[in-house]
């Protein structure tokens, strides 16, 4: 605020919001608002309330605000006020919109949740226009808070994040965090497996405890317990989007985890079966029986099915 301009009074602010300020006063007061130097006034005019969920929310009640300020203005001062001008009305409305947007930016938005069922691949568009593809039996929740877009994931999903440098996109999976601005990548965080983040384009930062790495295109991070490692990405990491799982000399135990996640079943096996290296392309839409019959023919593995449990044994 200019040294030659006195501190605005409640009357000055009342005139500003009612469109009665002179051009000089209007310019000074608007400058104070733009610079964030009117917090005390805003807190009085737009009080915050604590709700049952312990979150502070803004209450914008213009009529109440005017009434509070009018109590400090003498009747003769009210009679001297000039009529509202369209310019001042527009400025006041613009300010209210700006204030509301700023509040929403920092206080956040209610979370929205999306889930996929068994053997279902689900396409989701988030409120920020990011596109998500959920693998079967996966859940994602999204909300905005403190200038960040925050996501929690259980399961597997492919992300095509809408770029917004002012609102980083942060994904929480188990104990790790993935931070991006705008990129596409796959995150696999099922309950029985280590977490895998594979980048298709752009750049992401992965943080786990006190470890941090940066991933770029065709790189992936593996998070196992407290260990964070980087390696070249598996070129088939997103084949599940086309309902295909591609394996090259992978132990059956790792493959069973993927099959369980897709079909929503529980596979019971032993070390003799789990350790067998397996190379195949599994077409998920052909059903569980097709996969089990292939195991029986190629690896001499017998199976029995009871409800959602599958027991495997080696001949």
Protein backbone atom coordinates (compact mmCIF):
# COMPACT_ATOMS: atom_id res chain seq x y z
CA UNK A 1 0.00 0.00 0.00
CA UNK A 2 1.24 3.46 -0.87
CA UNK A 3 2.69 5.46 2.01
CA UNK A 4 0.55 8.40 0.88
CA UNK A 5 -2.68 6.42 1.05
CA UNK A 6 -4.21 5.76 4.50
CA UNK A 7 -5.26 2.29 5.58
CA UNK A 8 -8.73 1.58 4.10
CA UNK A 9 -11.61 1.71 6.56
CA UNK A 10 -14.66 -0.51 6.70
CA UNK A 11 -16.51 2.29 4.94
CA UNK A 12 -13.95 2.21 2.10
CA UNK A 13 -14.41 -1.55 1.67
CA UNK A 14 -18.18 -1.22 1.87
CA UNK A 15 -18.08 1.32 -0.95
CA UNK A 16 -15.79 -0.92 -2.98
CA UNK A 17 -18.04 -3.96 -2.80
CA UNK A 18 -21.17 -1.92 -3.42
CA UNK A 19 -19.68 -0.15 -6.41
CA UNK A 20 -19.46 3.29 -4.79
CA UNK A 21 -15.70 3.84 -4.78
CA UNK A 22 -14.03 6.66 -6.70
CA UNK A 23 -11.71 5.57 -9.50
CA UNK A 24 -8.68 6.26 -7.32
CA UNK A 25 -10.04 4.34 -4.33
CA UNK A 26 -11.16 1.48 -6.52
CA UNK A 27 -7.67 1.12 -8.05
CA UNK A 28 -5.98 1.10 -4.62
CA UNK A 29 -8.37 -1.41 -3.05
CA UNK A 30 -8.29 -3.74 -6.03
CA UNK A 31 -4.49 -3.64 -5.91
CA UNK A 32 -4.60 -4.70 -2.25
CA UNK A 33 -6.85 -7.64 -3.12
CA UNK A 34 -4.67 -8.69 -6.04
CA UNK A 35 -1.58 -8.65 -3.80
CA UNK A 36 -3.28 -10.66 -1.04
CA UNK A 37 -2.98 -7.77 1.43
CA UNK A 38 -6.63 -7.78 2.46
CA UNK A 39 -6.75 -11.06 4.39
CA UNK A 40 -8.18 -9.46 7.51
CA UNK A 41 -11.05 -7.98 5.53
CA UNK A 42 -11.72 -11.24 3.69
CA UNK A 43 -11.78 -13.23 6.92
CA UNK A 44 -14.37 -10.85 8.32
CA UNK A 45 -16.51 -10.73 5.20
CA UNK A 46 -16.21 -14.39 4.30
CA UNK A 47 -15.89 -16.30 7.57
CA UNK A 48 -14.71 -19.93 7.56
CA UNK A 49 -16.64 -22.59 9.44
CA UNK A 50 -15.61 -25.92 10.94
CA UNK A 51 -17.82 -28.77 9.77
CA UNK A 52 -18.40 -32.20 11.26
CA UNK A 53 -15.65 -33.70 9.12
CA UNK A 54 -13.18 -31.25 10.75
CA UNK A 55 -12.53 -29.53 7.44
CA UNK A 56 -12.64 -25.77 7.15
CA UNK A 57 -14.98 -24.51 4.43
CA UNK A 58 -15.61 -21.05 3.19
CA UNK A 59 -19.00 -19.46 3.74
CA UNK A 60 -19.72 -16.69 1.26
CA UNK A 61 -22.70 -14.64 2.40
CA UNK A 62 -22.60 -11.28 0.69
CA UNK A 63 -25.77 -9.93 2.30
CA UNK A 64 -24.48 -10.79 5.77
CA UNK A 65 -21.16 -9.16 4.97
CA UNK A 66 -22.85 -5.95 3.87
CA UNK A 67 -24.97 -5.94 7.03
CA UNK A 68 -21.91 -6.32 9.23
CA UNK A 69 -20.15 -3.41 7.57
CA UNK A 70 -23.23 -1.21 7.55
CA UNK A 71 -23.29 -1.35 11.35
CA UNK A 72 -20.07 0.70 11.31
CA UNK A 73 -21.34 3.34 8.90
CA UNK A 74 -23.21 6.40 10.06
CA UNK A 75 -26.66 7.11 8.50
CA UNK A 76 -25.50 10.41 7.01
CA UNK A 77 -22.62 8.62 5.31
CA UNK A 78 -25.04 6.20 3.69
CA UNK A 79 -27.02 9.07 2.18
CA UNK A 80 -23.86 10.44 0.54
CA UNK A 81 -23.15 7.21 -1.35
CA UNK A 82 -23.22 7.36 -5.15
CA UNK A 83 -25.22 4.90 -7.28
CA UNK A 84 -23.51 1.68 -8.33
CA UNK A 85 -21.71 1.70 -11.64
CA UNK A 86 -21.63 -1.24 -14.03
CA UNK A 87 -17.84 -1.23 -13.91
CA UNK A 88 -17.76 -1.60 -10.15
CA UNK A 89 -20.48 -4.26 -10.16
CA UNK A 90 -18.51 -6.30 -12.69
CA UNK A 91 -15.34 -5.87 -10.65
CA UNK A 92 -17.08 -7.02 -7.47
CA UNK A 93 -18.54 -10.07 -9.19
CA UNK A 94 -15.16 -10.90 -10.69
CA UNK A 95 -13.58 -10.68 -7.26
CA UNK A 96 -16.13 -13.07 -5.76
CA UNK A 97 -15.48 -15.57 -8.53
CA UNK A 98 -11.72 -15.19 -8.03
CA UNK A 99 -12.06 -15.70 -4.30
CA UNK A 100 -14.22 -18.79 -4.70
CA UNK A 101 -11.82 -20.36 -7.20
CA UNK A 102 -8.85 -19.58 -4.99
CA UNK A 103 -10.58 -21.17 -2.03
CA UNK A 104 -11.41 -24.30 -4.01
CA UNK A 105 -7.80 -24.44 -5.23
CA UNK A 106 -6.34 -24.57 -1.73
CA UNK A 107 -9.06 -26.23 0.38
CA UNK A 108 -9.64 -29.09 -2.05
CA UNK A 109 -12.50 -31.01 -3.59
CA UNK A 110 -14.49 -33.98 -2.25
CA UNK A 111 -12.92 -37.33 -3.25
CA UNK A 112 -14.41 -39.31 -6.12
CA UNK A 113 -13.90 -43.08 -6.34
CA UNK A 114 -13.94 -45.43 -9.32
CA UNK A 115 -13.77 -49.24 -9.22
CA UNK A 116 -13.67 -52.08 -11.73
CA UNK A 117 -15.16 -55.52 -11.30
CA UNK A 118 -13.73 -58.96 -11.99
CA UNK A 119 -12.62 -59.48 -15.62
CA UNK A 120 -13.48 -55.82 -16.34
CA UNK A 121 -11.31 -53.12 -17.88
CA UNK A 122 -12.78 -49.71 -17.10
CA UNK A 123 -12.04 -46.34 -18.72
CA UNK A 124 -12.26 -43.35 -16.38
CA UNK A 125 -12.00 -39.61 -16.99
CA UNK A 126 -10.97 -37.72 -13.85
CA UNK A 127 -12.27 -34.21 -13.06
CA UNK A 128 -8.93 -32.75 -14.26
CA UNK A 129 -9.42 -34.48 -17.68
CA UNK A 130 -6.75 -37.10 -16.98
CA UNK A 131 -7.64 -40.44 -18.56
CA UNK A 132 -7.32 -43.65 -16.53
CA UNK A 133 -7.70 -47.28 -17.57
CA UNK A 134 -8.41 -49.54 -14.59
CA UNK A 135 -7.45 -53.20 -14.69
CA UNK A 136 -9.83 -55.77 -13.20
CA UNK A 137 -10.64 -55.59 -9.48
CA UNK A 138 -8.92 -52.21 -9.05
CA UNK A 139 -9.96 -49.03 -7.25
CA UNK A 140 -8.85 -45.41 -7.60
CA UNK A 141 -9.87 -42.32 -5.62
CA UNK A 142 -9.17 -38.71 -6.66
CA UNK A 143 -9.36 -35.33 -4.95
CA UNK A 144 -7.64 -31.95 -5.06
CA UNK A 145 -6.02 -30.41 -1.98
CA UNK A 146 -3.43 -27.70 -1.30
CA UNK A 147 -2.76 -27.15 -4.98
CA UNK A 148 -2.19 -30.86 -5.68
CA UNK A 149 -4.15 -33.51 -7.54
CA UNK A 150 -4.09 -36.54 -5.24
CA UNK A 151 -4.81 -40.14 -6.18
CA UNK A 152 -4.88 -43.38 -4.22
CA UNK A 153 -4.67 -46.66 -6.12
CA UNK A 154 -5.27 -50.27 -5.16
CA UNK A 155 -4.70 -52.65 -8.05
CA UNK A 156 -3.39 -51.71 -11.50
CA UNK A 157 -4.07 -48.73 -13.76
CA UNK A 158 -2.70 -46.94 -16.79
CA UNK A 159 -2.51 -43.15 -16.42
CA UNK A 160 -2.55 -40.49 -19.13
CA UNK A 161 -2.22 -37.39 -16.95
CA UNK A 162 -3.46 -33.98 -18.06
CA UNK A 163 -0.55 -31.55 -17.81
CA UNK A 164 -0.85 -28.80 -15.22
CA UNK A 165 2.44 -27.45 -13.86
CA UNK A 166 0.60 -25.56 -11.12
CA UNK A 167 -1.11 -28.70 -9.81
CA UNK A 168 1.24 -31.70 -9.54
CA UNK A 169 -0.41 -35.12 -9.84
CA UNK A 170 0.53 -37.33 -6.88
CA UNK A 171 -0.35 -41.04 -6.65
CA UNK A 172 -0.14 -42.93 -3.36
CA UNK A 173 0.39 -46.70 -3.55
CA UNK A 174 1.13 -48.60 -0.37
CA UNK A 175 4.03 -46.61 1.19
CA UNK A 176 5.26 -44.99 -2.04
CA UNK A 177 4.39 -41.77 -3.84
CA UNK A 178 4.54 -41.05 -7.58
CA UNK A 179 4.67 -37.39 -8.64
CA UNK A 180 4.07 -36.22 -12.22
CA UNK A 181 3.12 -33.09 -14.14
CA UNK A 182 1.85 -34.60 -17.36
CA UNK A 183 2.81 -37.99 -18.74
CA UNK A 184 1.58 -41.54 -19.39
CA UNK A 185 2.61 -44.55 -17.33
CA UNK A 186 1.41 -47.80 -15.77
CA UNK A 187 1.20 -48.52 -12.04
CA UNK A 188 0.81 -52.06 -10.75
CA UNK A 189 0.16 -52.20 -7.00
CA UNK A 190 -1.81 -55.36 -6.25
CA UNK A 191 -1.85 -56.63 -2.69
CA UNK A 192 0.26 -59.79 -3.28
CA UNK A 193 2.97 -58.28 -5.48
CA UNK A 194 5.64 -55.63 -5.35
CA UNK A 195 4.74 -52.29 -6.91
CA UNK A 196 5.88 -51.60 -10.49
CA UNK A 197 5.76 -48.18 -12.19
CA UNK A 198 6.43 -48.22 -15.95
CA UNK A 199 6.75 -44.97 -17.90
CA UNK A 200 5.46 -44.69 -21.49
CA UNK A 201 6.12 -40.98 -21.96
CA UNK A 202 7.28 -37.95 -19.99
CA UNK A 203 8.91 -38.11 -16.58
CA UNK A 204 7.83 -39.21 -13.10
CA UNK A 205 9.38 -39.11 -9.66
CA UNK A 206 9.00 -42.12 -7.36
CA UNK A 207 9.53 -41.75 -3.62
CA UNK A 208 9.63 -44.60 -1.11
CA UNK A 209 10.62 -43.79 2.46
CA UNK A 210 13.90 -41.86 2.12
CA UNK A 211 14.63 -43.15 -1.40
CA UNK A 212 13.85 -41.19 -4.56
CA UNK A 213 14.38 -41.87 -8.27
CA UNK A 214 13.40 -40.22 -11.57
CA UNK A 215 11.94 -42.32 -14.39
CA UNK A 216 11.73 -41.41 -18.07
CA UNK A 217 10.29 -43.18 -21.11
CA UNK A 218 10.92 -46.96 -21.22
CA UNK A 219 12.10 -47.11 -17.59
CA UNK A 220 10.35 -48.66 -14.62
CA UNK A 221 10.72 -48.74 -10.86
CA UNK A 222 10.32 -51.81 -8.68
CA UNK A 223 9.34 -51.32 -5.04
CA UNK A 224 9.75 -54.45 -2.94
CA UNK A 225 9.50 -54.03 0.83
CA UNK A 226 11.81 -51.07 1.52
CA UNK A 227 13.90 -51.50 -1.63
CA UNK A 228 13.50 -49.17 -4.63
CA UNK A 229 15.18 -50.11 -7.91
CA UNK A 230 15.18 -48.83 -11.49
CA UNK A 231 15.44 -50.93 -14.65
CA UNK A 232 14.44 -50.98 -18.30
CA UNK A 233 10.66 -51.28 -18.64
CA UNK A 234 8.97 -54.48 -19.73
CA UNK A 235 7.65 -53.79 -23.23
CA UNK A 236 4.51 -55.79 -22.39
CA UNK A 237 3.65 -53.94 -19.18
CA UNK A 238 0.43 -52.53 -20.67
CA UNK A 239 -0.64 -55.53 -22.77
CA UNK A 240 -3.43 -56.15 -20.23
CA UNK A 241 -5.29 -53.19 -21.75
CA UNK A 242 -5.84 -55.44 -24.78
CA UNK A 243 -6.75 -58.35 -22.48
CA UNK A 244 -3.41 -60.08 -23.11
CA UNK A 245 -0.70 -61.10 -20.66
CA UNK A 246 2.70 -61.73 -22.27
CA UNK A 247 5.39 -63.68 -20.40
CA UNK A 248 8.90 -64.76 -21.34
CA UNK A 249 10.51 -67.28 -19.00
CA UNK A 250 8.66 -65.96 -15.91
CA UNK A 251 8.12 -68.14 -12.79
CA UNK A 252 4.54 -69.37 -12.62
CA UNK A 253 4.14 -67.86 -9.13
CA UNK A 254 4.32 -64.33 -10.58
CA UNK A 255 1.88 -65.27 -13.33
CA UNK A 256 -0.58 -66.72 -10.81
CA UNK A 257 -0.73 -63.34 -9.06
CA UNK A 258 -1.90 -61.71 -12.31
CA UNK A 259 -4.44 -64.47 -12.97
CA UNK A 260 -5.83 -64.15 -9.45
CA UNK A 261 -6.22 -60.37 -9.83
CA UNK A 262 -8.05 -60.68 -13.16
CA UNK A 263 -10.46 -63.50 -12.36
CA UNK A 264 -10.89 -62.75 -8.66
CA UNK A 265 -9.81 -66.24 -7.57
CA UNK A 266 -7.33 -67.84 -5.18
CA UNK A 267 -4.69 -70.23 -6.55
CA UNK A 268 -3.18 -72.81 -4.20
CA UNK A 269 0.06 -74.39 -5.40
CA UNK A 270 3.43 -75.62 -4.13
CA UNK A 271 7.09 -74.78 -4.77
CA UNK A 272 7.39 -77.44 -7.46
CA UNK A 273 4.72 -75.63 -9.48
CA UNK A 274 5.55 -72.03 -8.52
CA UNK A 275 9.18 -72.22 -9.66
CA UNK A 276 8.46 -73.45 -13.21
CA UNK A 277 9.57 -70.85 -15.81
CA UNK A 278 6.75 -70.18 -18.26
CA UNK A 279 6.63 -68.52 -21.67
CA UNK A 280 3.23 -67.75 -23.17
CA UNK A 281 0.71 -65.19 -24.31
CA UNK A 282 -2.45 -65.55 -22.26
CA UNK A 283 -5.65 -64.27 -23.84
CA UNK A 284 -7.79 -63.31 -20.86
CA UNK A 285 -11.07 -63.22 -22.76
CA UNK A 286 -10.75 -66.97 -23.50
CA UNK A 287 -11.44 -67.70 -19.84
CA UNK A 288 -9.74 -69.35 -16.89
CA UNK A 289 -10.29 -72.90 -18.20
CA UNK A 290 -8.19 -72.16 -21.30
CA UNK A 291 -5.23 -71.09 -19.15
CA UNK A 292 -5.52 -74.09 -16.84
CA UNK A 293 -5.83 -76.54 -19.73
CA UNK A 294 -2.69 -75.05 -21.32
CA UNK A 295 -0.82 -75.65 -18.05
CA UNK A 296 -2.03 -79.24 -17.97
CA UNK A 297 -0.93 -79.90 -21.54
CA UNK A 298 2.39 -78.03 -21.55
CA UNK A 299 3.58 -78.55 -17.96
CA UNK A 300 1.67 -81.65 -16.79
CA UNK A 301 -0.03 -79.63 -14.04
CA UNK A 302 -3.36 -80.93 -12.78
CA UNK A 303 -6.04 -78.64 -11.38
CA UNK A 304 -9.22 -78.82 -9.36
CA UNK A 305 -11.70 -75.96 -8.95
CA UNK A 306 -13.96 -75.39 -5.95
CA UNK A 307 -15.93 -72.14 -6.00
CA UNK A 308 -13.23 -69.41 -6.22
CA UNK A 309 -10.33 -71.64 -5.24
CA UNK A 310 -8.05 -73.39 -7.73
CA UNK A 311 -5.64 -76.11 -6.53
CA UNK A 312 -2.67 -77.00 -8.75
CA UNK A 313 -0.38 -80.00 -8.47
CA UNK A 314 2.49 -81.38 -10.56
CA UNK A 315 2.23 -84.92 -11.90
